[in-house]
Amino acid sequence: MTEISRPQPGEYSAFHARYVALVPEDDLLAAMLTQEAVTTAALNAYAAAPDHIYAPGKWTVRQVLGHMTDVERVFGSRLLFIARGDPARLPGFEQDDWMRSADFGRYALPDLLAEFGAVRRSHLSLLRHLSPGDWTRRGVVGDQEFTVRALARMLLGHERAHLEVLCGRYGPVQPG
C-alpha cells in the first residue's frame, strides 16, 4: 500500500477543510474500512423511524443517508476525473436542489445503507489501485483546486460529519 500523506491547505476549499480535519488517521483506507461498521450501527438505530427529523424542515434520517450516498458519488467522480488527468473544470452542485429531485422516502433504510456501502467499496477498490503520482494530481472543481488525496479524505470526512449530526441533533428515537 502506498503511503497517502495528508493534504495541505490549498489542496481543498475552505468549506471542505472540516471534512479533511475529521480524518486524522494516517492509514486512510483502513479508516474507511473500519467506518462501515460505525456508520451501519448508527443508522440501524433509526431502523424503526427512518423518517425521524430533529426539527421542522430538516432532512429525515433516510434523506441524510441518501445525501451521503449522493455526495460519495460526487466526490468519487471528481476524484476519478482528477486521478485520470482529465483537464476539465468540474462542476459544483447544490445539495438542496438535488434533495428536491431525489425521492429517498421510497427506499427502505437497509436498501439505502447497502447502496452507500456498495458505492464506498467501489471507491476503496479505486483508491487501492492508484499509483503514487495520482494522489497529488490536481484538478479544478468550480473555482477551487483539489488533489486526489484531499478528495479521498473528504469521502470519509463527509460521512463522519453527517454521523456527528445524526448523533448530536437527531438523538435517540422516542417510542410511538
N, C-alpha and C. Protein backbone atom coordinates (compact mmCIF):
# COMPACT_ATOMS: atom_id res chain seq x y z
N MET A 1 0.85 -1.19 0.00
CA MET A 1 0.00 0.00 0.00
C MET A 1 0.88 1.24 0.00
N THR A 2 0.53 2.17 -0.81
CA THR A 2 1.24 3.44 -0.89
C THR A 2 0.84 4.31 0.28
N GLU A 3 1.81 4.93 0.92
CA GLU A 3 1.52 5.89 1.99
C GLU A 3 0.81 7.09 1.37
N ILE A 4 -0.33 7.43 1.93
CA ILE A 4 -1.12 8.56 1.44
C ILE A 4 -0.93 9.69 2.43
N SER A 5 -0.07 10.63 2.08
CA SER A 5 0.19 11.74 3.00
C SER A 5 -1.03 12.65 3.08
N ARG A 6 -1.08 13.40 4.17
CA ARG A 6 -2.21 14.31 4.41
C ARG A 6 -2.16 15.47 3.42
N PRO A 7 -3.33 15.87 2.93
CA PRO A 7 -3.36 17.06 2.06
C PRO A 7 -3.09 18.32 2.87
N GLN A 8 -2.58 19.31 2.21
CA GLN A 8 -2.26 20.59 2.83
C GLN A 8 -3.28 21.64 2.38
N PRO A 9 -3.43 22.72 3.16
CA PRO A 9 -4.29 23.81 2.68
C PRO A 9 -3.87 24.21 1.27
N GLY A 10 -4.83 24.52 0.45
CA GLY A 10 -4.55 24.80 -0.96
C GLY A 10 -4.88 23.61 -1.84
N GLU A 11 -5.11 22.44 -1.21
CA GLU A 11 -5.48 21.24 -1.96
C GLU A 11 -6.98 20.97 -1.85
N TYR A 12 -7.70 21.86 -1.17
CA TYR A 12 -9.14 21.74 -0.98
C TYR A 12 -9.66 23.11 -0.59
N SER A 13 -10.96 23.30 -0.67
CA SER A 13 -11.54 24.61 -0.35
C SER A 13 -11.66 24.79 1.16
N ALA A 14 -11.83 26.03 1.57
CA ALA A 14 -12.03 26.32 2.99
C ALA A 14 -13.29 25.62 3.50
N PHE A 15 -14.33 25.55 2.68
CA PHE A 15 -15.55 24.86 3.08
C PHE A 15 -15.29 23.39 3.39
N HIS A 16 -14.46 22.75 2.59
CA HIS A 16 -14.20 21.32 2.74
C HIS A 16 -13.14 21.00 3.79
N ALA A 17 -12.51 22.02 4.36
CA ALA A 17 -11.47 21.78 5.37
C ALA A 17 -12.00 21.00 6.56
N ARG A 18 -13.26 21.21 6.91
CA ARG A 18 -13.81 20.48 8.06
C ARG A 18 -13.89 18.99 7.79
N TYR A 19 -14.14 18.61 6.55
CA TYR A 19 -14.17 17.17 6.22
C TYR A 19 -12.78 16.57 6.32
N VAL A 20 -11.79 17.27 5.82
CA VAL A 20 -10.41 16.79 5.89
C VAL A 20 -9.99 16.66 7.35
N ALA A 21 -10.37 17.62 8.18
CA ALA A 21 -9.99 17.61 9.60
C ALA A 21 -10.62 16.45 10.37
N LEU A 22 -11.73 15.93 9.88
CA LEU A 22 -12.40 14.82 10.56
C LEU A 22 -11.75 13.47 10.29
N VAL A 23 -10.63 13.49 9.56
CA VAL A 23 -9.93 12.24 9.23
C VAL A 23 -8.47 12.37 9.69
N PRO A 24 -8.21 12.16 10.99
CA PRO A 24 -6.84 12.32 11.50
C PRO A 24 -5.96 11.08 11.28
N GLU A 25 -6.57 9.96 10.91
CA GLU A 25 -5.81 8.72 10.77
C GLU A 25 -4.75 8.81 9.67
N ASP A 26 -3.64 8.15 9.91
CA ASP A 26 -2.59 8.07 8.89
C ASP A 26 -2.99 7.09 7.80
N ASP A 27 -3.60 5.97 8.18
CA ASP A 27 -3.98 4.94 7.22
C ASP A 27 -5.42 5.18 6.78
N LEU A 28 -5.58 5.96 5.74
CA LEU A 28 -6.89 6.37 5.26
C LEU A 28 -7.75 5.18 4.86
N LEU A 29 -7.20 4.25 4.11
CA LEU A 29 -8.00 3.14 3.61
C LEU A 29 -8.48 2.24 4.74
N ALA A 30 -7.64 2.01 5.73
CA ALA A 30 -8.07 1.23 6.90
C ALA A 30 -9.17 1.95 7.65
N ALA A 31 -9.06 3.26 7.76
CA ALA A 31 -10.10 4.06 8.44
C ALA A 31 -11.41 3.97 7.68
N MET A 32 -11.35 3.99 6.36
CA MET A 32 -12.57 3.88 5.56
C MET A 32 -13.22 2.51 5.74
N LEU A 33 -12.41 1.48 5.83
CA LEU A 33 -12.95 0.14 6.06
C LEU A 33 -13.60 0.02 7.43
N THR A 34 -12.95 0.54 8.43
CA THR A 34 -13.46 0.48 9.80
C THR A 34 -14.74 1.27 9.97
N GLN A 35 -14.86 2.36 9.23
CA GLN A 35 -16.01 3.25 9.37
C GLN A 35 -17.32 2.57 8.99
N GLU A 36 -17.27 1.57 8.13
CA GLU A 36 -18.51 0.94 7.68
C GLU A 36 -19.33 0.40 8.84
N ALA A 37 -18.69 -0.26 9.79
CA ALA A 37 -19.42 -0.81 10.93
C ALA A 37 -19.99 0.30 11.80
N VAL A 38 -19.27 1.39 11.95
CA VAL A 38 -19.72 2.52 12.76
C VAL A 38 -20.96 3.16 12.12
N THR A 39 -20.89 3.39 10.83
CA THR A 39 -22.00 4.01 10.11
C THR A 39 -23.22 3.10 10.11
N THR A 40 -23.01 1.83 9.88
CA THR A 40 -24.12 0.87 9.87
C THR A 40 -24.83 0.85 11.23
N ALA A 41 -24.06 0.79 12.30
CA ALA A 41 -24.65 0.76 13.64
C ALA A 41 -25.42 2.05 13.93
N ALA A 42 -24.84 3.18 13.57
CA ALA A 42 -25.50 4.47 13.83
C ALA A 42 -26.82 4.58 13.08
N LEU A 43 -26.83 4.16 11.85
CA LEU A 43 -28.05 4.28 11.06
C LEU A 43 -29.08 3.21 11.40
N ASN A 44 -28.63 2.03 11.75
CA ASN A 44 -29.56 0.98 12.15
C ASN A 44 -30.33 1.36 13.41
N ALA A 45 -29.80 2.25 14.19
CA ALA A 45 -30.51 2.72 15.39
C ALA A 45 -31.81 3.43 15.01
N TYR A 46 -31.92 3.86 13.75
CA TYR A 46 -33.12 4.54 13.27
C TYR A 46 -33.99 3.65 12.39
N ALA A 47 -33.73 2.35 12.39
CA ALA A 47 -34.46 1.43 11.51
C ALA A 47 -35.97 1.50 11.71
N ALA A 48 -36.41 1.71 12.92
CA ALA A 48 -37.85 1.78 13.20
C ALA A 48 -38.44 3.16 12.89
N ALA A 49 -37.59 4.14 12.67
CA ALA A 49 -38.07 5.51 12.42
C ALA A 49 -37.19 6.21 11.39
N PRO A 50 -37.15 5.70 10.16
CA PRO A 50 -36.27 6.30 9.15
C PRO A 50 -36.68 7.69 8.71
N ASP A 51 -37.89 8.10 9.05
CA ASP A 51 -38.34 9.44 8.67
C ASP A 51 -38.28 10.43 9.82
N HIS A 52 -37.54 10.05 10.86
CA HIS A 52 -37.33 10.93 12.01
C HIS A 52 -36.55 12.17 11.58
N ILE A 53 -36.97 13.34 12.09
CA ILE A 53 -36.25 14.59 11.87
C ILE A 53 -36.01 15.22 13.24
N TYR A 54 -35.01 16.07 13.33
CA TYR A 54 -34.74 16.71 14.62
C TYR A 54 -35.40 18.07 14.75
N ALA A 55 -35.86 18.63 13.64
CA ALA A 55 -36.55 19.92 13.67
C ALA A 55 -37.36 20.05 12.38
N PRO A 56 -38.42 20.83 12.41
CA PRO A 56 -39.21 21.03 11.19
C PRO A 56 -38.33 21.58 10.05
N GLY A 57 -38.56 21.03 8.87
CA GLY A 57 -37.82 21.49 7.69
C GLY A 57 -36.46 20.84 7.50
N LYS A 58 -36.03 20.02 8.42
CA LYS A 58 -34.75 19.33 8.29
C LYS A 58 -34.94 18.01 7.57
N TRP A 59 -33.85 17.42 7.14
CA TRP A 59 -33.92 16.16 6.41
C TRP A 59 -34.25 15.01 7.35
N THR A 60 -34.94 14.01 6.81
CA THR A 60 -35.18 12.78 7.55
C THR A 60 -33.88 11.98 7.60
N VAL A 61 -33.84 10.99 8.47
CA VAL A 61 -32.68 10.10 8.54
C VAL A 61 -32.44 9.46 7.17
N ARG A 62 -33.51 9.04 6.54
CA ARG A 62 -33.41 8.41 5.22
C ARG A 62 -32.82 9.40 4.21
N GLN A 63 -33.24 10.65 4.27
CA GLN A 63 -32.70 11.66 3.36
C GLN A 63 -31.23 11.95 3.65
N VAL A 64 -30.85 11.95 4.90
CA VAL A 64 -29.43 12.16 5.24
C VAL A 64 -28.59 11.07 4.61
N LEU A 65 -29.03 9.83 4.73
CA LEU A 65 -28.28 8.73 4.14
C LEU A 65 -28.27 8.82 2.62
N GLY A 66 -29.39 9.19 2.01
CA GLY A 66 -29.41 9.38 0.56
C GLY A 66 -28.45 10.47 0.13
N HIS A 67 -28.42 11.57 0.89
CA HIS A 67 -27.48 12.65 0.62
C HIS A 67 -26.03 12.16 0.76
N MET A 68 -25.76 11.41 1.80
CA MET A 68 -24.41 10.87 1.98
C MET A 68 -23.99 10.05 0.76
N THR A 69 -24.92 9.27 0.22
CA THR A 69 -24.63 8.44 -0.94
C THR A 69 -24.41 9.31 -2.18
N ASP A 70 -25.26 10.31 -2.37
CA ASP A 70 -25.06 11.23 -3.50
C ASP A 70 -23.68 11.89 -3.44
N VAL A 71 -23.32 12.39 -2.27
CA VAL A 71 -22.03 13.09 -2.14
C VAL A 71 -20.87 12.11 -2.29
N GLU A 72 -21.03 10.91 -1.80
CA GLU A 72 -20.00 9.88 -2.02
C GLU A 72 -19.75 9.71 -3.52
N ARG A 73 -20.81 9.68 -4.28
CA ARG A 73 -20.68 9.54 -5.73
C ARG A 73 -20.04 10.79 -6.36
N VAL A 74 -20.47 11.96 -5.93
CA VAL A 74 -19.93 13.20 -6.50
C VAL A 74 -18.44 13.33 -6.19
N PHE A 75 -18.07 13.19 -4.93
CA PHE A 75 -16.65 13.30 -4.56
C PHE A 75 -15.83 12.21 -5.26
N GLY A 76 -16.39 11.00 -5.34
CA GLY A 76 -15.68 9.91 -6.01
C GLY A 76 -15.50 10.17 -7.50
N SER A 77 -16.51 10.74 -8.14
CA SER A 77 -16.39 11.08 -9.56
C SER A 77 -15.33 12.14 -9.78
N ARG A 78 -15.34 13.14 -8.93
CA ARG A 78 -14.31 14.18 -9.03
C ARG A 78 -12.92 13.57 -8.86
N LEU A 79 -12.80 12.71 -7.88
CA LEU A 79 -11.53 12.04 -7.62
C LEU A 79 -11.06 11.28 -8.85
N LEU A 80 -11.97 10.54 -9.49
CA LEU A 80 -11.62 9.75 -10.67
C LEU A 80 -11.20 10.65 -11.83
N PHE A 81 -11.96 11.71 -12.11
CA PHE A 81 -11.59 12.62 -13.18
C PHE A 81 -10.20 13.18 -12.96
N ILE A 82 -9.92 13.61 -11.74
CA ILE A 82 -8.63 14.23 -11.45
C ILE A 82 -7.51 13.19 -11.48
N ALA A 83 -7.76 12.01 -10.91
CA ALA A 83 -6.73 10.95 -10.90
C ALA A 83 -6.35 10.55 -12.31
N ARG A 84 -7.29 10.60 -13.22
CA ARG A 84 -7.03 10.21 -14.61
C ARG A 84 -6.46 11.35 -15.45
N GLY A 85 -6.24 12.50 -14.81
CA GLY A 85 -5.61 13.62 -15.52
C GLY A 85 -6.54 14.39 -16.43
N ASP A 86 -7.83 14.25 -16.25
CA ASP A 86 -8.78 14.98 -17.09
C ASP A 86 -8.65 16.47 -16.79
N PRO A 87 -8.42 17.29 -17.81
CA PRO A 87 -8.21 18.73 -17.58
C PRO A 87 -9.50 19.53 -17.41
N ALA A 88 -10.66 18.89 -17.53
CA ALA A 88 -11.93 19.62 -17.47
C ALA A 88 -12.14 20.25 -16.09
N ARG A 89 -12.71 21.43 -16.09
CA ARG A 89 -13.16 22.08 -14.85
C ARG A 89 -14.46 21.37 -14.48
N LEU A 90 -14.49 20.79 -13.29
CA LEU A 90 -15.66 20.02 -12.86
C LEU A 90 -16.68 20.92 -12.18
N PRO A 91 -17.96 20.58 -12.35
CA PRO A 91 -18.99 21.44 -11.77
C PRO A 91 -19.19 21.20 -10.28
N GLY A 92 -19.68 22.23 -9.62
CA GLY A 92 -20.14 22.07 -8.25
C GLY A 92 -21.55 21.52 -8.29
N PHE A 93 -22.19 21.43 -7.14
CA PHE A 93 -23.59 21.05 -7.11
C PHE A 93 -24.23 21.64 -5.86
N GLU A 94 -25.52 21.83 -5.92
CA GLU A 94 -26.28 22.39 -4.81
C GLU A 94 -27.08 21.28 -4.16
N GLN A 95 -26.70 20.92 -2.96
CA GLN A 95 -27.30 19.77 -2.29
C GLN A 95 -28.81 19.92 -2.10
N ASP A 96 -29.30 21.09 -1.83
CA ASP A 96 -30.73 21.27 -1.62
C ASP A 96 -31.52 21.07 -2.92
N ASP A 97 -30.95 21.50 -4.04
CA ASP A 97 -31.59 21.24 -5.33
C ASP A 97 -31.65 19.74 -5.60
N TRP A 98 -30.55 19.05 -5.31
CA TRP A 98 -30.53 17.61 -5.51
C TRP A 98 -31.57 16.93 -4.62
N MET A 99 -31.67 17.38 -3.38
CA MET A 99 -32.61 16.75 -2.46
C MET A 99 -34.05 16.92 -2.95
N ARG A 100 -34.36 18.07 -3.52
CA ARG A 100 -35.71 18.29 -4.05
C ARG A 100 -36.03 17.33 -5.19
N SER A 101 -35.00 16.90 -5.91
CA SER A 101 -35.21 15.99 -7.04
C SER A 101 -35.11 14.52 -6.65
N ALA A 102 -34.65 14.24 -5.46
CA ALA A 102 -34.49 12.85 -5.00
C ALA A 102 -35.76 12.41 -4.27
N ASP A 103 -36.02 11.14 -4.33
CA ASP A 103 -37.17 10.58 -3.61
C ASP A 103 -36.69 9.47 -2.70
N PHE A 104 -35.87 9.84 -1.72
CA PHE A 104 -35.31 8.83 -0.82
C PHE A 104 -36.35 8.19 0.08
N GLY A 105 -37.51 8.81 0.20
CA GLY A 105 -38.57 8.26 1.02
C GLY A 105 -39.12 6.94 0.50
N ARG A 106 -38.89 6.63 -0.75
CA ARG A 106 -39.39 5.37 -1.30
C ARG A 106 -38.45 4.20 -1.07
N TYR A 107 -37.27 4.48 -0.53
CA TYR A 107 -36.28 3.43 -0.26
C TYR A 107 -36.40 2.95 1.19
N ALA A 108 -36.23 1.67 1.39
CA ALA A 108 -36.10 1.15 2.75
C ALA A 108 -34.72 1.55 3.25
N LEU A 109 -34.63 1.87 4.53
CA LEU A 109 -33.34 2.28 5.10
C LEU A 109 -32.26 1.23 4.86
N PRO A 110 -32.52 -0.08 5.04
CA PRO A 110 -31.47 -1.06 4.76
C PRO A 110 -31.00 -1.05 3.31
N ASP A 111 -31.90 -0.76 2.38
CA ASP A 111 -31.50 -0.68 0.98
C ASP A 111 -30.59 0.52 0.73
N LEU A 112 -30.92 1.66 1.33
CA LEU A 112 -30.07 2.84 1.21
C LEU A 112 -28.69 2.59 1.82
N LEU A 113 -28.68 1.92 2.97
CA LEU A 113 -27.42 1.62 3.64
C LEU A 113 -26.57 0.68 2.78
N ALA A 114 -27.20 -0.31 2.16
CA ALA A 114 -26.48 -1.23 1.27
C ALA A 114 -25.92 -0.49 0.06
N GLU A 115 -26.70 0.45 -0.48
CA GLU A 115 -26.24 1.22 -1.63
C GLU A 115 -25.04 2.09 -1.26
N PHE A 116 -25.12 2.75 -0.10
CA PHE A 116 -23.98 3.55 0.34
C PHE A 116 -22.73 2.68 0.46
N GLY A 117 -22.89 1.50 1.08
CA GLY A 117 -21.76 0.59 1.24
C GLY A 117 -21.18 0.14 -0.08
N ALA A 118 -22.03 -0.12 -1.06
CA ALA A 118 -21.55 -0.55 -2.37
C ALA A 118 -20.75 0.56 -3.06
N VAL A 119 -21.25 1.78 -2.96
CA VAL A 119 -20.53 2.91 -3.56
C VAL A 119 -19.18 3.10 -2.87
N ARG A 120 -19.16 3.03 -1.55
CA ARG A 120 -17.91 3.18 -0.80
C ARG A 120 -16.91 2.07 -1.17
N ARG A 121 -17.38 0.83 -1.24
CA ARG A 121 -16.46 -0.27 -1.58
C ARG A 121 -15.88 -0.08 -2.98
N SER A 122 -16.69 0.47 -3.89
CA SER A 122 -16.19 0.77 -5.23
C SER A 122 -15.07 1.80 -5.16
N HIS A 123 -15.25 2.82 -4.34
CA HIS A 123 -14.21 3.84 -4.20
C HIS A 123 -12.96 3.26 -3.54
N LEU A 124 -13.14 2.40 -2.57
CA LEU A 124 -11.97 1.76 -1.94
C LEU A 124 -11.17 0.96 -2.96
N SER A 125 -11.85 0.25 -3.83
CA SER A 125 -11.15 -0.50 -4.87
C SER A 125 -10.36 0.43 -5.78
N LEU A 126 -10.97 1.53 -6.18
CA LEU A 126 -10.27 2.53 -7.00
C LEU A 126 -9.05 3.07 -6.26
N LEU A 127 -9.23 3.46 -5.02
CA LEU A 127 -8.13 4.06 -4.24
C LEU A 127 -6.97 3.10 -4.06
N ARG A 128 -7.27 1.83 -3.85
CA ARG A 128 -6.20 0.83 -3.67
C ARG A 128 -5.31 0.70 -4.91
N HIS A 129 -5.85 1.06 -6.06
CA HIS A 129 -5.11 0.84 -7.30
C HIS A 129 -4.54 2.11 -7.91
N LEU A 130 -4.61 3.22 -7.20
CA LEU A 130 -3.99 4.43 -7.70
C LEU A 130 -2.48 4.33 -7.60
N SER A 131 -1.79 4.94 -8.53
CA SER A 131 -0.33 4.96 -8.48
C SER A 131 0.12 6.07 -7.53
N PRO A 132 1.35 6.03 -7.05
CA PRO A 132 1.83 7.07 -6.13
C PRO A 132 1.66 8.49 -6.68
N GLY A 133 1.87 8.69 -7.96
CA GLY A 133 1.74 10.02 -8.54
C GLY A 133 0.31 10.53 -8.65
N ASP A 134 -0.65 9.62 -8.62
CA ASP A 134 -2.05 10.01 -8.74
C ASP A 134 -2.53 10.83 -7.54
N TRP A 135 -2.02 10.53 -6.36
CA TRP A 135 -2.53 11.11 -5.12
C TRP A 135 -2.38 12.62 -5.04
N THR A 136 -1.35 13.16 -5.66
CA THR A 136 -1.13 14.62 -5.60
C THR A 136 -1.55 15.33 -6.88
N ARG A 137 -2.14 14.58 -7.80
CA ARG A 137 -2.63 15.21 -9.03
C ARG A 137 -3.73 16.21 -8.67
N ARG A 138 -3.72 17.35 -9.38
CA ARG A 138 -4.66 18.44 -9.10
C ARG A 138 -5.65 18.61 -10.23
N GLY A 139 -6.84 19.04 -9.82
CA GLY A 139 -7.88 19.38 -10.77
C GLY A 139 -8.73 20.50 -10.18
N VAL A 140 -9.60 21.05 -11.00
CA VAL A 140 -10.41 22.18 -10.57
C VAL A 140 -11.88 21.78 -10.50
N VAL A 141 -12.47 22.10 -9.36
CA VAL A 141 -13.91 21.94 -9.16
C VAL A 141 -14.45 23.34 -8.88
N GLY A 142 -15.35 23.79 -9.74
CA GLY A 142 -15.81 25.18 -9.62
C GLY A 142 -14.63 26.10 -9.85
N ASP A 143 -14.26 26.86 -8.82
CA ASP A 143 -13.11 27.77 -8.91
C ASP A 143 -11.98 27.36 -7.98
N GLN A 144 -12.03 26.14 -7.44
CA GLN A 144 -11.07 25.70 -6.42
C GLN A 144 -10.29 24.48 -6.90
N GLU A 145 -8.99 24.48 -6.63
CA GLU A 145 -8.18 23.30 -6.91
C GLU A 145 -8.33 22.28 -5.80
N PHE A 146 -8.36 21.02 -6.19
CA PHE A 146 -8.39 19.89 -5.27
C PHE A 146 -7.36 18.88 -5.72
N THR A 147 -6.83 18.13 -4.76
CA THR A 147 -6.00 16.98 -5.09
C THR A 147 -6.79 15.71 -4.85
N VAL A 148 -6.31 14.65 -5.44
CA VAL A 148 -6.93 13.34 -5.24
C VAL A 148 -6.90 12.97 -3.76
N ARG A 149 -5.77 13.20 -3.10
CA ARG A 149 -5.68 12.81 -1.69
C ARG A 149 -6.62 13.62 -0.81
N ALA A 150 -6.90 14.86 -1.17
CA ALA A 150 -7.88 15.66 -0.42
C ALA A 150 -9.27 15.10 -0.64
N LEU A 151 -9.62 14.81 -1.87
CA LEU A 151 -10.94 14.26 -2.16
C LEU A 151 -11.14 12.91 -1.48
N ALA A 152 -10.10 12.10 -1.41
CA ALA A 152 -10.22 10.80 -0.74
C ALA A 152 -10.53 10.98 0.74
N ARG A 153 -9.88 11.93 1.38
CA ARG A 153 -10.17 12.20 2.80
C ARG A 153 -11.56 12.82 2.96
N MET A 154 -11.97 13.60 1.99
CA MET A 154 -13.29 14.21 2.06
C MET A 154 -14.40 13.17 1.99
N LEU A 155 -14.17 12.07 1.29
CA LEU A 155 -15.16 10.99 1.26
C LEU A 155 -15.50 10.56 2.68
N LEU A 156 -14.48 10.25 3.44
CA LEU A 156 -14.67 9.78 4.82
C LEU A 156 -15.11 10.92 5.74
N GLY A 157 -14.54 12.09 5.57
CA GLY A 157 -14.88 13.22 6.43
C GLY A 157 -16.33 13.64 6.29
N HIS A 158 -16.86 13.62 5.09
CA HIS A 158 -18.26 13.96 4.87
C HIS A 158 -19.17 12.96 5.59
N GLU A 159 -18.85 11.71 5.48
CA GLU A 159 -19.61 10.67 6.19
C GLU A 159 -19.60 10.92 7.69
N ARG A 160 -18.45 11.18 8.23
CA ARG A 160 -18.32 11.43 9.68
C ARG A 160 -19.05 12.70 10.10
N ALA A 161 -19.03 13.72 9.27
CA ALA A 161 -19.73 14.97 9.60
C ALA A 161 -21.22 14.70 9.75
N HIS A 162 -21.78 13.91 8.86
CA HIS A 162 -23.21 13.62 8.95
C HIS A 162 -23.54 12.67 10.09
N LEU A 163 -22.65 11.80 10.43
CA LEU A 163 -22.88 10.94 11.60
C LEU A 163 -22.86 11.78 12.88
N GLU A 164 -22.00 12.78 12.92
CA GLU A 164 -22.00 13.69 14.08
C GLU A 164 -23.34 14.41 14.21
N VAL A 165 -23.90 14.83 13.08
CA VAL A 165 -25.20 15.50 13.11
C VAL A 165 -26.27 14.52 13.58
N LEU A 166 -26.25 13.32 13.05
CA LEU A 166 -27.24 12.32 13.47
C LEU A 166 -27.16 12.07 14.98
N CYS A 167 -25.96 11.82 15.46
CA CYS A 167 -25.78 11.51 16.88
C CYS A 167 -26.04 12.72 17.77
N GLY A 168 -25.70 13.90 17.31
CA GLY A 168 -25.81 15.09 18.14
C GLY A 168 -27.14 15.78 18.09
N ARG A 169 -27.80 15.78 16.94
CA ARG A 169 -29.04 16.52 16.80
C ARG A 169 -30.28 15.64 16.71
N TYR A 170 -30.18 14.49 16.06
CA TYR A 170 -31.34 13.65 15.90
C TYR A 170 -31.65 12.88 17.18
N GLY A 171 -30.59 12.57 17.92
CA GLY A 171 -30.78 11.91 19.20
C GLY A 171 -31.47 10.57 19.07
N PRO A 172 -31.71 9.94 20.20
CA PRO A 172 -32.39 8.64 20.14
C PRO A 172 -33.86 8.82 19.73
N VAL A 173 -34.34 7.83 19.02
CA VAL A 173 -35.71 7.85 18.56
C VAL A 173 -36.61 7.52 19.76
N GLN A 174 -37.63 8.34 19.96
CA GLN A 174 -38.58 8.12 21.04
C GLN A 174 -39.67 7.16 20.58
N PRO A 175 -40.04 6.19 21.41
CA PRO A 175 -41.09 5.24 21.01
C PRO A 175 -42.42 5.95 20.75
N GLY A 176 -43.16 5.40 19.77
CA GLY A 176 -44.51 5.79 19.49
C GLY A 176 -44.76 7.16 19.13
